[in-house]
């Protein structure tokens, strides 16, 4: 894609508006919500922008981009507004937006990228690039071949690798029997051997992944292989930690600033904007569901604007940002 800047300057007005969240947007309990405002002034400069939640001052920002992270304290309905100040001593408020925060469905793992770590062995599920080959386990969770996306398929889920395709739970006629193998098939798919039920175990914050509804679970066997096996919930080899890859902290011990990325609108049709927080010089890369790079750009001023997104085929994409210190963040993008 090519982005064209026509270089046309328009007169500034004194105003502020909320860009995200959008009015009537719904969020999950415990989800980080990015409050992002645009502020301009016709005299002097913007000195700060304040964010109000239910008419109570929450946070303020003194430089662009005017963006903060906020996690609601409880389930319920909230109102958000911004107030901008300029160096001439004037202030102005934005229109108010309303949002809702709903209880989280722990079995819904869509909308993020995960590393799946077995509770007993501490090893991570690893894909292979060859279809019909058995999945592997690895001591390290680093690398795209250990990253998994959950996609809704009717009342089930596909478990989709970042490097190949969705997982298949084989039967007794496969060699070895009941092995978990890679496929090159894309999600969503409704094949009976490629759908899963996600079970959440609140007691220890773990998951069990049932192949279809046959009572057989993703299982890291003592022989080192991964099968779908009929076992009791007490058998911890069928328990997995789903570790999110959606955000990361700085690798530096002296710099623990929260680094994040926000994409709006999302889903998008013909344009979208990527806003970064606490990243330095960064490369923004966009990959399709097959892991192919479709767009790349160096972020300027912590922002990338895509004006011709209609050149991307409808579907799901993964956006990755990486800075010069190897800090990174991931986000999912839907193109309509």
Protein backbone atom coordinates (compact mmCIF):
# COMPACT_ATOMS: atom_id res chain seq x y z
CA UNK A 1 0.00 0.00 0.00
CA UNK A 2 1.06 3.55 -0.65
CA UNK A 3 0.03 6.43 1.60
CA UNK A 4 -0.15 9.85 -0.01
CA UNK A 5 0.15 13.04 2.01
CA UNK A 6 -1.28 15.94 0.03
CA UNK A 7 0.28 18.47 2.40
CA UNK A 8 -2.91 20.57 2.67
CA UNK A 9 -3.09 22.68 5.83
CA UNK A 10 -6.47 23.60 7.31
CA UNK A 11 -7.13 26.28 9.96
CA UNK A 12 -7.04 24.99 13.54
CA UNK A 13 -10.01 25.42 15.87
CA UNK A 14 -10.10 25.12 19.64
CA UNK A 15 -11.70 21.79 20.36
CA UNK A 16 -11.33 18.30 21.76
CA UNK A 17 -13.05 15.05 20.89
CA UNK A 18 -12.88 11.47 22.07
CA UNK A 19 -11.50 9.14 19.38
CA UNK A 20 -11.60 5.99 21.49
CA UNK A 21 -13.60 4.48 23.01
CA UNK A 22 -16.58 4.93 20.71
CA UNK A 23 -20.09 5.59 21.95
CA UNK A 24 -21.92 2.47 23.20
CA UNK A 25 -18.79 0.32 22.89
CA UNK A 26 -18.70 -2.77 25.11
CA UNK A 27 -15.65 -4.09 26.96
CA UNK A 28 -14.82 -7.13 29.06
CA UNK A 29 -14.22 -6.98 32.81
CA UNK A 30 -10.52 -6.41 33.54
CA UNK A 31 -9.79 -5.27 29.98
CA UNK A 32 -7.41 -2.38 29.50
CA UNK A 33 -9.30 0.50 27.85
CA UNK A 34 -7.35 3.17 26.01
CA UNK A 35 -8.78 6.67 26.33
CA UNK A 36 -7.60 8.62 23.30
CA UNK A 37 -8.53 12.21 22.42
CA UNK A 38 -7.68 14.65 19.66
CA UNK A 39 -7.19 18.27 20.75
CA UNK A 40 -6.44 21.42 18.71
CA UNK A 41 -6.27 25.11 19.47
CA UNK A 42 -6.58 28.30 17.42
CA UNK A 43 -4.33 30.24 19.78
CA UNK A 44 -1.24 29.19 21.70
CA UNK A 45 -0.70 25.47 22.31
CA UNK A 46 -2.53 22.67 24.08
CA UNK A 47 -1.09 22.40 27.58
CA UNK A 48 -2.97 19.34 28.79
CA UNK A 49 -5.94 17.07 28.25
CA UNK A 50 -7.88 15.62 31.17
CA UNK A 51 -9.99 12.46 31.01
CA UNK A 52 -13.12 12.21 33.16
CA UNK A 53 -14.90 8.96 34.03
CA UNK A 54 -18.44 9.44 35.33
CA UNK A 55 -17.58 13.17 35.65
CA UNK A 56 -14.67 12.43 38.00
CA UNK A 57 -11.13 13.31 36.90
CA UNK A 58 -9.27 10.10 36.13
CA UNK A 59 -5.98 11.01 34.40
CA UNK A 60 -4.32 13.82 32.44
CA UNK A 61 -1.80 14.04 29.61
CA UNK A 62 0.42 17.05 28.87
CA UNK A 63 1.72 16.10 25.42
CA UNK A 64 0.49 14.47 22.24
CA UNK A 65 -0.69 11.77 21.71
CA UNK A 66 -3.39 12.39 24.31
CA UNK A 67 -3.81 8.75 25.30
CA UNK A 68 -3.99 6.92 28.63
CA UNK A 69 -4.71 3.37 29.77
CA UNK A 70 -7.61 2.82 32.12
CA UNK A 71 -8.98 -0.38 33.69
CA UNK A 72 -12.51 -0.07 35.14
CA UNK A 73 -12.87 -1.05 38.77
CA UNK A 74 -16.13 -2.96 38.28
CA UNK A 75 -18.71 -4.21 35.81
CA UNK A 76 -21.24 -1.56 34.81
CA UNK A 77 -21.92 1.48 32.63
CA UNK A 78 -19.52 4.42 32.39
CA UNK A 79 -19.38 7.83 30.74
CA UNK A 80 -16.14 9.24 29.33
CA UNK A 81 -15.26 12.79 28.34
CA UNK A 82 -12.11 14.85 27.75
CA UNK A 83 -11.27 18.42 28.67
CA UNK A 84 -8.52 20.35 26.87
CA UNK A 85 -6.62 23.43 28.07
CA UNK A 86 -4.54 25.84 26.00
CA UNK A 87 -1.75 28.28 26.91
CA UNK A 88 -4.18 31.20 26.64
CA UNK A 89 -5.95 29.97 29.77
CA UNK A 90 -9.02 28.62 28.00
CA UNK A 91 -10.57 25.18 28.33
CA UNK A 92 -13.13 23.19 26.38
CA UNK A 93 -14.90 19.86 26.91
CA UNK A 94 -15.66 17.08 24.47
CA UNK A 95 -18.98 15.38 23.95
CA UNK A 96 -19.58 12.50 26.33
CA UNK A 97 -19.43 8.86 25.24
CA UNK A 98 -21.04 5.95 27.06
CA UNK A 99 -19.52 2.49 27.39
CA UNK A 100 -20.40 -0.75 29.14
CA UNK A 101 -18.12 -3.17 30.96
CA UNK A 102 -19.46 -6.72 30.98
CA UNK A 103 -18.48 -9.87 32.89
CA UNK A 104 -15.77 -11.75 31.05
CA UNK A 105 -16.41 -15.16 29.49
CA UNK A 106 -13.19 -16.96 30.37
CA UNK A 107 -13.86 -19.63 27.75
CA UNK A 108 -13.75 -17.04 24.96
CA UNK A 109 -10.10 -16.77 23.95
CA UNK A 110 -10.74 -14.92 20.70
CA UNK A 111 -9.21 -11.53 20.02
CA UNK A 112 -5.69 -12.26 21.18
CA UNK A 113 -2.66 -14.46 20.55
CA UNK A 114 -1.62 -17.07 23.09
CA UNK A 115 1.24 -19.34 24.09
CA UNK A 116 -0.11 -22.64 25.44
CA UNK A 117 1.98 -23.93 28.35
CA UNK A 118 1.39 -27.37 29.86
CA UNK A 119 0.91 -27.22 33.63
CA UNK A 120 2.90 -30.37 34.46
CA UNK A 121 5.83 -30.17 32.05
CA UNK A 122 6.12 -26.39 31.70
CA UNK A 123 6.66 -26.86 27.96
CA UNK A 124 4.97 -24.85 25.21
CA UNK A 125 2.88 -26.23 22.36
CA UNK A 126 4.80 -25.83 19.09
CA UNK A 127 3.52 -26.09 15.52
CA UNK A 128 5.34 -27.65 12.61
CA UNK A 129 5.20 -26.29 9.08
CA UNK A 130 4.39 -29.65 7.45
CA UNK A 131 0.73 -30.65 7.28
CA UNK A 132 -0.27 -33.89 9.08
CA UNK A 133 2.90 -33.77 11.20
CA UNK A 134 2.48 -34.13 14.96
CA UNK A 135 2.81 -30.99 17.03
CA UNK A 136 5.87 -30.58 19.23
CA UNK A 137 6.59 -29.28 22.73
CA UNK A 138 9.35 -26.79 23.51
CA UNK A 139 11.00 -25.45 26.66
CA UNK A 140 10.86 -21.93 25.18
CA UNK A 141 7.70 -19.98 24.42
CA UNK A 142 9.53 -17.63 22.07
CA UNK A 143 8.83 -17.75 18.36
CA UNK A 144 5.84 -17.53 16.06
CA UNK A 145 5.52 -21.32 15.93
CA UNK A 146 4.45 -21.25 19.61
CA UNK A 147 1.71 -18.66 19.02
CA UNK A 148 -1.96 -19.65 18.66
CA UNK A 149 -5.19 -17.88 17.74
CA UNK A 150 -8.65 -19.10 18.78
CA UNK A 151 -11.38 -18.57 16.17
CA UNK A 152 -15.11 -19.12 16.71
CA UNK A 153 -16.65 -21.91 14.64
CA UNK A 154 -20.36 -22.04 15.54
CA UNK A 155 -20.39 -23.21 19.18
CA UNK A 156 -16.80 -24.46 18.97
CA UNK A 157 -13.32 -23.05 18.39
CA UNK A 158 -10.51 -23.65 15.94
CA UNK A 159 -7.00 -23.50 17.40
CA UNK A 160 -5.01 -21.79 14.66
CA UNK A 161 -1.23 -21.68 14.41
CA UNK A 162 0.54 -18.49 13.42
CA UNK A 163 2.77 -20.46 10.99
CA UNK A 164 0.57 -23.25 9.58
CA UNK A 165 -3.15 -23.88 10.05
CA UNK A 166 -5.66 -25.20 12.55
CA UNK A 167 -5.06 -28.18 14.82
CA UNK A 168 -6.59 -31.58 14.06
CA UNK A 169 -7.40 -34.19 16.71
CA UNK A 170 -6.91 -37.51 14.92
CA UNK A 171 -8.67 -40.79 15.69
CA UNK A 172 -7.72 -44.41 16.25
CA UNK A 173 -6.92 -45.01 12.56
CA UNK A 174 -4.16 -42.41 12.46
CA UNK A 175 -0.52 -43.30 13.12
CA UNK A 176 0.17 -42.65 15.90
CA UNK A 177 -3.45 -42.99 17.12
CA UNK A 178 -5.12 -39.89 18.55
CA UNK A 179 -2.14 -37.65 17.75
CA UNK A 180 -2.59 -33.88 17.53
CA UNK A 181 -1.35 -32.78 14.12
CA UNK A 182 -0.85 -29.61 12.14
CA UNK A 183 -2.96 -28.84 9.09
CA UNK A 184 -2.75 -26.14 6.46
CA UNK A 185 -6.49 -25.50 6.68
CA UNK A 186 -7.52 -21.96 7.60
CA UNK A 187 -10.13 -21.03 10.19
CA UNK A 188 -13.03 -20.98 10.60
CA UNK A 189 -13.72 -24.63 9.82
CA UNK A 190 -16.46 -26.95 11.07
CA UNK A 191 -14.78 -30.34 10.43
CA UNK A 192 -15.54 -32.59 13.41
CA UNK A 193 -11.83 -33.39 13.94
CA UNK A 194 -10.76 -29.71 13.89
CA UNK A 195 -13.16 -28.15 16.40
CA UNK A 196 -12.60 -27.74 20.14
CA UNK A 197 -14.51 -26.88 23.30
CA UNK A 198 -12.66 -24.58 25.71
CA UNK A 199 -13.10 -25.46 29.41
CA UNK A 200 -11.94 -22.91 31.98
CA UNK A 201 -10.93 -24.10 35.47
CA UNK A 202 -11.34 -21.15 37.79
CA UNK A 203 -9.69 -22.85 40.77
CA UNK A 204 -6.21 -22.66 39.23
CA UNK A 205 -6.81 -20.36 36.23
CA UNK A 206 -6.09 -23.09 33.69
CA UNK A 207 -7.75 -24.47 30.57
CA UNK A 208 -8.62 -27.87 29.14
CA UNK A 209 -9.24 -28.20 25.40
CA UNK A 210 -11.74 -30.88 24.41
CA UNK A 211 -11.61 -32.27 20.88
CA UNK A 212 -15.14 -31.72 19.56
CA UNK A 213 -17.46 -33.08 22.24
CA UNK A 214 -15.97 -36.58 22.47
CA UNK A 215 -14.53 -36.30 25.98
CA UNK A 216 -10.94 -36.43 24.73
CA UNK A 217 -8.60 -33.61 25.78
CA UNK A 218 -5.39 -32.03 24.53
CA UNK A 219 -2.79 -33.93 26.56
CA UNK A 220 1.00 -33.84 26.90
CA UNK A 221 1.83 -37.48 27.52
CA UNK A 222 4.75 -38.76 29.59
CA UNK A 223 6.27 -40.13 26.37
CA UNK A 224 6.68 -36.53 25.16
CA UNK A 225 3.96 -36.66 22.50
CA UNK A 226 0.71 -34.68 22.38
CA UNK A 227 -2.53 -36.65 22.05
CA UNK A 228 -6.27 -36.19 22.50
CA UNK A 229 -7.00 -38.47 25.44
CA UNK A 230 -9.88 -39.36 27.77
CA UNK A 231 -8.64 -38.31 31.22
CA UNK A 232 -10.09 -36.96 34.43
CA UNK A 233 -9.92 -33.25 35.24
CA UNK A 234 -7.51 -34.12 38.05
CA UNK A 235 -4.89 -35.26 35.50
CA UNK A 236 -2.89 -32.03 35.21
CA UNK A 237 -1.24 -33.11 31.95
CA UNK A 238 -4.52 -32.07 30.32
CA UNK A 239 -4.29 -28.58 31.87
CA UNK A 240 -2.78 -25.62 30.04
CA UNK A 241 -1.96 -22.01 30.76
CA UNK A 242 -3.09 -19.62 28.01
CA UNK A 243 -0.47 -16.84 28.14
CA UNK A 244 -1.43 -13.72 26.21
CA UNK A 245 0.90 -12.15 23.66
CA UNK A 246 -1.22 -9.01 23.17
CA UNK A 247 1.03 -6.65 25.17
CA UNK A 248 4.54 -6.65 26.59
CA UNK A 249 6.72 -4.78 29.04
CA UNK A 250 10.11 -3.31 28.27
CA UNK A 251 12.98 -5.77 28.50
CA UNK A 252 15.04 -3.16 30.31
CA UNK A 253 15.13 -3.41 34.10
CA UNK A 254 15.39 0.37 34.29
CA UNK A 255 12.42 1.04 32.03
CA UNK A 256 9.17 -0.56 33.08
CA UNK A 257 6.82 1.79 31.26
CA UNK A 258 3.76 0.05 29.88
CA UNK A 259 4.02 -0.32 26.12
CA UNK A 260 0.88 -0.75 24.11
CA UNK A 261 -0.74 -0.45 20.71
CA UNK A 262 -4.28 0.58 19.81
CA UNK A 263 -6.00 0.25 16.45
CA UNK A 264 -9.14 2.15 15.43
CA UNK A 265 -11.60 1.71 13.90
CA UNK A 266 -11.52 -2.04 14.31
CA UNK A 267 -13.14 -3.68 12.38
CA UNK A 268 -12.04 -1.36 9.55
CA UNK A 269 -13.11 -0.97 5.94
CA UNK A 270 -11.14 1.65 3.99
CA UNK A 271 -8.90 3.23 6.63
CA UNK A 272 -7.52 2.70 10.13
CA UNK A 273 -4.96 4.25 12.50
CA UNK A 274 -2.37 2.57 14.71
CA UNK A 275 -1.44 4.48 17.88
CA UNK A 276 1.59 3.45 19.96
CA UNK A 277 2.40 4.32 23.56
CA UNK A 278 5.88 4.35 25.14
CA UNK A 279 7.60 2.95 22.05
CA UNK A 280 10.58 4.64 20.48
CA UNK A 281 11.48 4.29 16.81
CA UNK A 282 9.43 1.28 15.74
CA UNK A 283 8.62 -0.87 12.74
CA UNK A 284 4.94 -1.70 12.26
CA UNK A 285 4.29 -4.89 10.31
CA UNK A 286 0.95 -6.36 9.20
CA UNK A 287 0.59 -10.11 8.52
CA UNK A 288 -2.29 -12.08 7.07
CA UNK A 289 -3.59 -15.28 8.73
CA UNK A 290 -1.06 -17.32 6.76
CA UNK A 291 1.80 -15.38 8.36
CA UNK A 292 2.73 -13.50 5.17
CA UNK A 293 3.87 -9.88 5.50
CA UNK A 294 1.44 -7.62 3.61
CA UNK A 295 2.49 -4.17 4.85
CA UNK A 296 5.37 -2.57 6.75
CA UNK A 297 6.18 0.99 7.79
CA UNK A 298 8.37 2.86 10.29
CA UNK A 299 6.11 4.58 12.82
CA UNK A 300 6.48 8.36 13.02
CA UNK A 301 5.32 10.26 16.10
CA UNK A 302 3.92 7.02 17.58
CA UNK A 303 1.29 6.76 14.87
CA UNK A 304 0.66 5.06 11.53
CA UNK A 305 -2.32 6.01 9.35
CA UNK A 306 -3.51 3.59 6.69
CA UNK A 307 -5.72 5.44 4.19
CA UNK A 308 -6.27 2.72 1.60
CA UNK A 309 -7.07 -0.36 3.68
CA UNK A 310 -9.54 -1.43 0.99
CA UNK A 311 -6.51 -2.87 -0.81
CA UNK A 312 -6.42 -5.57 1.88
CA UNK A 313 -8.70 -8.57 1.39
CA UNK A 314 -11.49 -8.92 3.97
CA UNK A 315 -10.46 -11.08 6.90
CA UNK A 316 -8.26 -11.13 10.00
CA UNK A 317 -4.75 -9.68 10.21
CA UNK A 318 -2.14 -9.46 12.95
CA UNK A 319 -0.31 -6.18 13.53
CA UNK A 320 3.11 -6.37 15.16
CA UNK A 321 5.18 -3.43 16.36
CA UNK A 322 8.84 -3.83 17.31
CA UNK A 323 11.22 -1.11 18.49
CA UNK A 324 15.01 -0.84 18.48
CA UNK A 325 15.21 -2.50 21.92
CA UNK A 326 13.23 -5.52 20.69
CA UNK A 327 10.16 -4.57 22.72
CA UNK A 328 7.03 -5.60 20.86
CA UNK A 329 3.25 -5.64 20.96
CA UNK A 330 0.62 -7.46 18.93
CA UNK A 331 -2.96 -6.62 17.96
CA UNK A 332 -5.62 -8.24 15.84
CA UNK A 333 -7.21 -6.29 12.97
CA UNK A 334 -10.41 -7.20 11.12
CA UNK A 335 -10.93 -5.85 7.59
CA UNK A 336 -14.58 -5.88 6.50
